[in-house]
């Protein structure tokens, strides 16, 4: 295995790409979906299950882990990989989004963010340098810059201010990260739904010569069309031979559409959170198993799936588990959802390599639509 961080492209189909990121802890096949392991666990899943489904990398959450169990404690215990028994690549976010969305009494200035923990009310200061330090203590393989993310819609002045602050923080994060062989720091393109700001952010970050680039500040309340338009604005300004990561996205259709526009990496809590609340994603679309119409449905979710949660248990049984609040229901539905997401990514990779991406997208979307028509009949 390589002792460096290296991204290579194997094939393209239009703007879509397939390739791999090679790093000391393993290979990430792209396009890749990263299950979210917020608090050192992908909720309702064993680590070996996550790997068996085809995940090459998981995401850890800097904000949650710095509060509990604490970055220094994590380092004393051998780092996040050993702590959660995941010896493969881990990407950590910077903590900025959670500070903005979860913390109370926060104060933001040029230095960083001062906030009170949503866990116990203790006061913390998160600067660009401290964010990178924490991610290093966790042992993260891909570390994200600290940025300011505004929820859309927002005034242009607020969007521009956050973008420019994020650029200044990116420079400080790059300096703090230094040279870490086999690891990477990604910058985050900001600029809300304003094309000129997005382009300016992308160009400035590319000038820092980072190892990868993320598009942040999307999937925060704007329509899908706006998200896709911003990807199309940014993509031409990102280096062809560096990975592109769309943060916090998304639904299966969001992912398919973003892959077609040149995105390589994704993360989202949607498949795990939905699974804990009775919602499943399959080749036949999305289903809410809380609905009474599944109470006597003796068919499985997908007989052609390789996941036991999808091909073994009936919808009636899963409906019963969900309505009864049984933990097994959360586990099985999460297992199914992550399996479907990884199968979707594998299908996208194969289709790009074979030069038949548009056929694959059409077949996939028709499968979702046909199931919706059948259920409405």
Protein backbone atom coordinates (compact mmCIF):
# COMPACT_ATOMS: atom_id res chain seq x y z
CA UNK A 1 0.00 0.00 0.00
CA UNK A 2 1.22 3.49 -0.85
CA UNK A 3 2.65 5.84 1.79
CA UNK A 4 1.33 8.85 -0.12
CA UNK A 5 -2.05 10.34 -0.97
CA UNK A 6 -2.73 9.85 -4.67
CA UNK A 7 -5.85 10.31 -6.82
CA UNK A 8 -6.08 8.73 -10.27
CA UNK A 9 -8.84 8.69 -12.87
CA UNK A 10 -9.64 5.41 -14.61
CA UNK A 11 -12.44 6.56 -16.94
CA UNK A 12 -14.79 9.43 -17.70
CA UNK A 13 -18.24 9.62 -19.28
CA UNK A 14 -19.21 13.20 -19.98
CA UNK A 15 -18.37 15.14 -16.83
CA UNK A 16 -18.66 12.00 -14.66
CA UNK A 17 -15.49 10.27 -13.48
CA UNK A 18 -14.46 7.02 -11.88
CA UNK A 19 -11.12 6.43 -10.25
CA UNK A 20 -9.49 5.83 -6.90
CA UNK A 21 -7.80 7.57 -4.01
CA UNK A 22 -4.83 5.59 -2.71
CA UNK A 23 -3.56 6.25 0.79
CA UNK A 24 -1.80 4.23 3.51
CA UNK A 25 -4.99 2.87 5.09
CA UNK A 26 -6.59 1.77 1.86
CA UNK A 27 -8.10 2.60 -1.51
CA UNK A 28 -11.25 4.68 -1.91
CA UNK A 29 -13.06 3.83 -5.14
CA UNK A 30 -14.81 6.84 -6.65
CA UNK A 31 -17.55 7.90 -6.94
CA UNK A 32 -17.77 7.04 -3.24
CA UNK A 33 -20.46 7.35 -0.60
CA UNK A 34 -19.10 7.75 2.93
CA UNK A 35 -21.40 6.47 5.71
CA UNK A 36 -21.54 8.98 8.55
CA UNK A 37 -20.03 7.78 11.83
CA UNK A 38 -20.86 10.87 13.86
CA UNK A 39 -19.78 9.72 17.32
CA UNK A 40 -17.28 6.99 16.34
CA UNK A 41 -20.08 4.73 15.13
CA UNK A 42 -22.23 4.38 12.03
CA UNK A 43 -25.48 4.23 13.96
CA UNK A 44 -27.14 0.77 14.19
CA UNK A 45 -24.29 -0.90 12.26
CA UNK A 46 -21.24 -3.00 13.13
CA UNK A 47 -18.03 -1.73 11.50
CA UNK A 48 -17.51 -5.03 9.70
CA UNK A 49 -21.03 -4.78 8.24
CA UNK A 50 -20.26 -1.32 6.87
CA UNK A 51 -17.10 -2.59 5.19
CA UNK A 52 -18.83 -5.69 3.80
CA UNK A 53 -21.40 -3.49 2.07
CA UNK A 54 -18.60 -1.90 0.04
CA UNK A 55 -17.75 1.25 1.99
CA UNK A 56 -14.08 2.19 1.64
CA UNK A 57 -14.19 5.22 3.97
CA UNK A 58 -16.40 6.58 6.73
CA UNK A 59 -16.87 10.08 8.08
CA UNK A 60 -16.18 11.12 11.65
CA UNK A 61 -17.55 14.27 13.24
CA UNK A 62 -15.00 16.60 14.79
CA UNK A 63 -17.52 18.62 16.79
CA UNK A 64 -19.14 15.62 18.48
CA UNK A 65 -15.86 13.81 19.13
CA UNK A 66 -14.11 16.87 20.56
CA UNK A 67 -16.93 17.17 23.10
CA UNK A 68 -17.24 13.46 23.87
CA UNK A 69 -14.99 11.56 24.49
CA UNK A 70 -12.52 14.42 23.73
CA UNK A 71 -9.70 14.67 21.20
CA UNK A 72 -6.83 14.30 23.67
CA UNK A 73 -8.47 11.27 25.28
CA UNK A 74 -9.00 9.76 21.83
CA UNK A 75 -5.31 10.22 21.05
CA UNK A 76 -4.30 8.53 24.32
CA UNK A 77 -6.53 5.60 23.37
CA UNK A 78 -4.77 5.14 20.04
CA UNK A 79 -6.86 7.33 17.74
CA UNK A 80 -10.23 7.00 16.09
CA UNK A 81 -9.36 4.03 13.87
CA UNK A 82 -8.40 1.82 16.79
CA UNK A 83 -11.16 3.21 19.01
CA UNK A 84 -13.97 2.24 16.62
CA UNK A 85 -12.25 -0.77 15.04
CA UNK A 86 -12.19 0.73 11.54
CA UNK A 87 -8.66 0.30 10.11
CA UNK A 88 -9.58 1.91 6.78
CA UNK A 89 -9.61 5.57 5.69
CA UNK A 90 -11.57 8.10 7.76
CA UNK A 91 -12.54 11.61 6.68
CA UNK A 92 -13.36 14.10 9.41
CA UNK A 93 -15.32 17.29 8.95
CA UNK A 94 -14.00 20.43 10.61
CA UNK A 95 -16.79 20.88 13.16
CA UNK A 96 -17.88 24.21 11.75
CA UNK A 97 -21.30 23.16 10.47
CA UNK A 98 -22.29 21.58 13.79
CA UNK A 99 -21.08 24.61 15.74
CA UNK A 100 -23.38 26.77 13.64
CA UNK A 101 -26.37 24.42 13.78
CA UNK A 102 -26.21 22.81 17.25
CA UNK A 103 -24.42 25.10 19.65
CA UNK A 104 -25.95 27.87 21.69
CA UNK A 105 -24.43 31.23 22.60
CA UNK A 106 -21.89 31.05 19.80
CA UNK A 107 -19.72 34.00 18.84
CA UNK A 108 -17.89 34.10 15.54
CA UNK A 109 -14.99 36.39 14.69
CA UNK A 110 -11.76 36.36 12.70
CA UNK A 111 -10.07 34.16 15.29
CA UNK A 112 -12.64 31.37 15.21
CA UNK A 113 -15.85 30.37 16.95
CA UNK A 114 -16.55 30.48 20.68
CA UNK A 115 -19.51 28.34 21.67
CA UNK A 116 -21.14 26.37 24.44
CA UNK A 117 -21.49 22.60 24.13
CA UNK A 118 -24.96 21.26 23.45
CA UNK A 119 -23.97 18.31 25.68
CA UNK A 120 -23.08 20.00 28.98
CA UNK A 121 -22.90 23.74 28.37
CA UNK A 122 -19.10 23.98 28.68
CA UNK A 123 -17.34 26.76 26.79
CA UNK A 124 -15.08 25.92 23.84
CA UNK A 125 -13.08 27.84 21.26
CA UNK A 126 -12.67 26.34 17.78
CA UNK A 127 -10.11 28.07 15.59
CA UNK A 128 -8.78 26.87 12.24
CA UNK A 129 -5.62 25.73 13.99
CA UNK A 130 -7.50 23.92 16.76
CA UNK A 131 -9.78 22.20 14.25
CA UNK A 132 -6.78 20.78 12.39
CA UNK A 133 -5.13 19.85 15.69
CA UNK A 134 -8.23 17.94 16.80
CA UNK A 135 -8.48 16.12 13.48
CA UNK A 136 -4.81 15.17 13.85
CA UNK A 137 -5.38 13.87 17.36
CA UNK A 138 -8.23 11.75 16.03
CA UNK A 139 -5.85 10.35 13.41
CA UNK A 140 -7.99 11.45 10.46
CA UNK A 141 -6.76 10.57 6.97
CA UNK A 142 -8.64 13.34 5.16
CA UNK A 143 -9.11 16.53 7.16
CA UNK A 144 -11.42 19.40 6.27
CA UNK A 145 -10.73 23.08 6.69
CA UNK A 146 -12.79 25.05 9.18
CA UNK A 147 -15.37 27.13 7.33
CA UNK A 148 -18.46 29.21 7.95
CA UNK A 149 -21.61 27.78 6.44
CA UNK A 150 -24.74 29.91 6.12
CA UNK A 151 -28.19 28.44 5.69
CA UNK A 152 -29.91 29.40 2.46
CA UNK A 153 -31.63 31.62 1.60
CA UNK A 154 -29.43 34.30 3.10
CA UNK A 155 -28.58 37.95 2.29
CA UNK A 156 -25.76 38.31 -0.23
CA UNK A 157 -23.70 40.27 2.27
CA UNK A 158 -23.85 37.37 4.74
CA UNK A 159 -22.95 34.84 2.03
CA UNK A 160 -20.01 36.94 0.83
CA UNK A 161 -18.72 37.53 4.35
CA UNK A 162 -18.82 33.81 5.15
CA UNK A 163 -17.06 32.94 1.89
CA UNK A 164 -14.23 35.39 2.47
CA UNK A 165 -13.79 34.36 6.10
CA UNK A 166 -13.69 30.72 5.00
CA UNK A 167 -10.91 31.53 2.52
CA UNK A 168 -8.82 33.19 5.21
CA UNK A 169 -9.43 30.23 7.48
CA UNK A 170 -8.42 27.85 4.65
CA UNK A 171 -4.99 29.48 4.51
CA UNK A 172 -4.58 29.11 8.26
CA UNK A 173 -5.70 25.48 8.11
CA UNK A 174 -3.19 24.74 5.34
CA UNK A 175 -0.39 26.21 7.45
CA UNK A 176 -1.51 24.24 10.52
CA UNK A 177 -1.81 21.01 8.53
CA UNK A 178 1.70 21.32 7.12
CA UNK A 179 3.11 18.27 5.36
CA UNK A 180 1.57 15.00 6.55
CA UNK A 181 2.64 12.14 4.27
CA UNK A 182 -0.23 9.89 3.25
CA UNK A 183 -2.86 12.32 4.52
CA UNK A 184 -4.78 15.18 2.95
CA UNK A 185 -6.50 18.43 3.80
CA UNK A 186 -9.39 19.55 1.61
CA UNK A 187 -10.57 23.11 1.12
CA UNK A 188 -14.28 23.95 1.01
CA UNK A 189 -15.81 26.10 -1.72
CA UNK A 190 -18.42 28.46 -0.29
CA UNK A 191 -20.52 31.21 -1.79
CA UNK A 192 -24.11 30.13 -1.25
CA UNK A 193 -26.28 30.38 -4.35
CA UNK A 194 -24.32 33.27 -5.88
CA UNK A 195 -22.30 32.07 -8.91
CA UNK A 196 -19.68 34.81 -8.86
CA UNK A 197 -18.85 34.13 -5.21
CA UNK A 198 -18.65 30.38 -5.86
CA UNK A 199 -16.21 30.93 -8.73
CA UNK A 200 -14.08 33.32 -6.67
CA UNK A 201 -13.96 30.85 -3.79
CA UNK A 202 -13.00 27.94 -6.05
CA UNK A 203 -10.23 29.85 -7.80
CA UNK A 204 -8.74 31.08 -4.52
CA UNK A 205 -8.73 27.60 -3.00
CA UNK A 206 -7.16 26.06 -6.10
CA UNK A 207 -4.43 28.65 -5.69
CA UNK A 208 -3.59 27.07 -2.32
CA UNK A 209 -2.74 23.78 -4.12
CA UNK A 210 -4.60 21.51 -1.73
CA UNK A 211 -5.01 17.75 -2.21
CA UNK A 212 -8.76 17.89 -2.72
CA UNK A 213 -11.69 20.27 -2.87
CA UNK A 214 -15.15 20.11 -1.35
CA UNK A 215 -18.28 22.04 -2.25
CA UNK A 216 -19.98 23.08 0.97
CA UNK A 217 -22.97 25.13 1.95
CA UNK A 218 -25.42 23.18 -0.19
CA UNK A 219 -28.25 20.83 0.78
CA UNK A 220 -29.04 23.40 3.49
CA UNK A 221 -32.55 24.29 2.43
CA UNK A 222 -32.19 25.26 -1.22
CA UNK A 223 -34.01 23.44 -4.08
CA UNK A 224 -32.17 20.63 -5.87
CA UNK A 225 -32.02 22.76 -9.03
CA UNK A 226 -30.05 25.42 -7.17
CA UNK A 227 -27.62 22.83 -5.81
CA UNK A 228 -27.03 21.36 -9.25
CA UNK A 229 -26.57 24.81 -10.79
CA UNK A 230 -23.89 25.66 -8.23
CA UNK A 231 -22.06 22.39 -8.98
CA UNK A 232 -22.09 23.29 -12.67
CA UNK A 233 -20.71 26.74 -11.85
CA UNK A 234 -17.88 25.42 -9.68
CA UNK A 235 -16.83 22.22 -11.48
CA UNK A 236 -14.98 23.84 -14.42
CA UNK A 237 -12.73 25.69 -11.98
CA UNK A 238 -11.63 22.61 -10.00
CA UNK A 239 -8.54 20.60 -11.01
CA UNK A 240 -9.30 17.53 -13.08
CA UNK A 241 -6.79 15.37 -11.19
CA UNK A 242 -7.91 16.10 -7.65
CA UNK A 243 -10.96 14.65 -5.86
CA UNK A 244 -14.18 16.64 -5.54
CA UNK A 245 -16.44 16.17 -2.55
CA UNK A 246 -20.04 17.38 -2.24
CA UNK A 247 -20.65 17.72 1.48
CA UNK A 248 -23.83 16.49 3.17
CA UNK A 249 -25.51 15.11 0.03
CA UNK A 250 -27.87 13.44 -0.24
CA UNK A 251 -30.83 11.53 -1.69
CA UNK A 252 -30.08 8.83 -4.27
CA UNK A 253 -31.25 11.18 -7.02
CA UNK A 254 -29.07 14.03 -5.66
CA UNK A 255 -26.07 11.71 -5.83
CA UNK A 256 -26.82 10.45 -9.33
CA UNK A 257 -27.25 13.99 -10.63
CA UNK A 258 -24.08 15.22 -8.91
CA UNK A 259 -22.00 12.31 -10.25
CA UNK A 260 -23.15 13.26 -13.75
CA UNK A 261 -21.71 16.72 -13.03
CA UNK A 262 -18.26 15.51 -11.97
CA UNK A 263 -18.48 14.91 -8.20
CA UNK A 264 -16.40 12.07 -6.69
CA UNK A 265 -17.31 11.87 -2.99
CA UNK A 266 -20.47 12.17 -0.88
CA UNK A 267 -21.62 11.83 2.71
CA UNK A 268 -25.05 12.12 4.28
CA UNK A 269 -26.89 10.97 7.40
CA UNK A 270 -29.99 10.31 5.30
CA UNK A 271 -29.72 6.50 4.84
CA UNK A 272 -28.96 5.86 8.51
CA UNK A 273 -31.36 8.44 9.95
CA UNK A 274 -34.16 7.31 7.64
CA UNK A 275 -33.58 3.69 8.62
CA UNK A 276 -34.05 4.55 12.28
CA UNK A 277 -37.41 6.15 11.47
CA UNK A 278 -39.00 3.50 9.29
CA UNK A 279 -37.93 4.74 5.86
CA UNK A 280 -36.15 2.53 3.32
CA UNK A 281 -34.39 3.19 0.02
CA UNK A 282 -34.40 0.47 -2.64
CA UNK A 283 -34.14 -0.04 -6.38
CA UNK A 284 -37.91 0.34 -6.28
CA UNK A 285 -37.81 3.77 -4.70
CA UNK A 286 -38.45 4.98 -1.17
CA UNK A 287 -40.96 3.36 1.19
CA UNK A 288 -42.25 4.36 4.61
CA UNK A 289 -42.69 1.07 6.43
CA UNK A 290 -44.72 2.71 9.16
CA UNK A 291 -47.65 2.82 6.74
CA UNK A 292 -50.48 0.42 7.52
CA UNK A 293 -50.54 -0.94 3.96
CA UNK A 294 -47.42 -2.96 4.77
CA UNK A 295 -49.00 -4.74 7.77
CA UNK A 296 -49.79 -7.88 5.73
CA UNK A 297 -47.28 -7.49 2.90
CA UNK A 298 -45.40 -10.80 2.78
CA UNK A 299 -42.94 -9.68 0.08
CA UNK A 300 -39.34 -8.68 0.82
CA UNK A 301 -37.83 -5.29 0.07
CA UNK A 302 -35.75 -6.53 -2.86
CA UNK A 303 -35.31 -10.23 -3.70
CA UNK A 304 -32.36 -9.41 -5.98
CA UNK A 305 -30.37 -7.57 -3.31
CA UNK A 306 -27.40 -9.31 -1.71
CA UNK A 307 -28.26 -7.74 1.66
CA UNK A 308 -30.16 -10.08 4.03
CA UNK A 309 -32.16 -7.15 5.37
CA UNK A 310 -33.56 -6.66 1.88
CA UNK A 311 -33.91 -10.24 0.62
CA UNK A 312 -34.90 -12.19 3.74
CA UNK A 313 -37.34 -10.26 5.93
CA UNK A 314 -40.86 -9.44 4.79
CA UNK A 315 -42.24 -5.93 4.71
CA UNK A 316 -44.90 -7.08 7.18
CA UNK A 317 -42.24 -8.11 9.69
CA UNK A 318 -40.25 -4.92 9.18
CA UNK A 319 -43.47 -2.90 9.56
CA UNK A 320 -44.15 -4.70 12.84
CA UNK A 321 -40.64 -3.98 14.16
CA UNK A 322 -40.92 -0.30 13.26
CA UNK A 323 -44.37 0.15 14.78
CA UNK A 324 -43.29 -1.71 17.92
CA UNK A 325 -40.19 0.45 18.29
CA UNK A 326 -37.90 -2.58 18.23
CA UNK A 327 -34.17 -1.90 17.90
CA UNK A 328 -33.86 -4.71 15.35
CA UNK A 329 -36.10 -2.73 13.01
CA UNK A 330 -33.68 0.22 13.10
CA UNK A 331 -30.75 -2.12 12.49
CA UNK A 332 -32.31 -3.94 9.55
CA UNK A 333 -33.59 -0.82 7.80
CA UNK A 334 -30.26 0.96 8.22
CA UNK A 335 -28.47 -2.11 6.86
CA UNK A 336 -30.77 -2.12 3.84
CA UNK A 337 -30.34 1.59 3.18
CA UNK A 338 -26.56 1.58 3.35
CA UNK A 339 -26.51 -1.52 1.15
CA UNK A 340 -28.61 0.25 -1.46
CA UNK A 341 -26.43 3.37 -1.37
CA UNK A 342 -23.25 1.31 -1.84
CA UNK A 343 -24.87 -0.73 -4.63
CA UNK A 344 -25.85 2.53 -6.32
CA UNK A 345 -22.26 3.80 -6.15
CA UNK A 346 -20.92 0.51 -7.53
CA UNK A 347 -23.42 0.71 -10.39
CA UNK A 348 -22.37 4.27 -11.16
CA UNK A 349 -18.69 3.27 -11.20
CA UNK A 350 -19.35 0.36 -13.56
CA UNK A 351 -21.52 2.48 -15.85
CA UNK A 352 -18.92 5.24 -16.14
CA UNK A 353 -16.19 2.69 -16.86
CA UNK A 354 -18.35 1.12 -19.58
CA UNK A 355 -19.34 4.46 -21.12
CA UNK A 356 -23.05 3.87 -20.47
CA UNK A 357 -23.78 6.27 -17.63
CA UNK A 358 -26.84 7.86 -19.23
CA UNK A 359 -28.37 4.43 -19.83
CA UNK A 360 -27.74 3.51 -16.19
CA UNK A 361 -29.23 6.77 -14.93
CA UNK A 362 -32.31 6.28 -17.10
CA UNK A 363 -32.80 2.70 -15.93
CA UNK A 364 -32.31 3.69 -12.29
CA UNK A 365 -34.77 6.57 -12.38
CA UNK A 366 -37.30 4.48 -14.30
CA UNK A 367 -37.07 1.84 -11.55
CA UNK A 368 -37.94 4.46 -8.95
CA UNK A 369 -40.75 5.92 -11.07
CA UNK A 370 -42.26 2.55 -11.99
CA UNK A 371 -42.50 1.57 -8.35
CA UNK A 372 -44.21 4.86 -7.52
CA UNK A 373 -46.73 4.27 -10.31
CA UNK A 374 -47.40 0.72 -9.10
CA UNK A 375 -47.98 1.88 -5.52
CA UNK A 376 -50.33 4.63 -6.70
CA UNK A 377 -52.40 2.24 -8.83
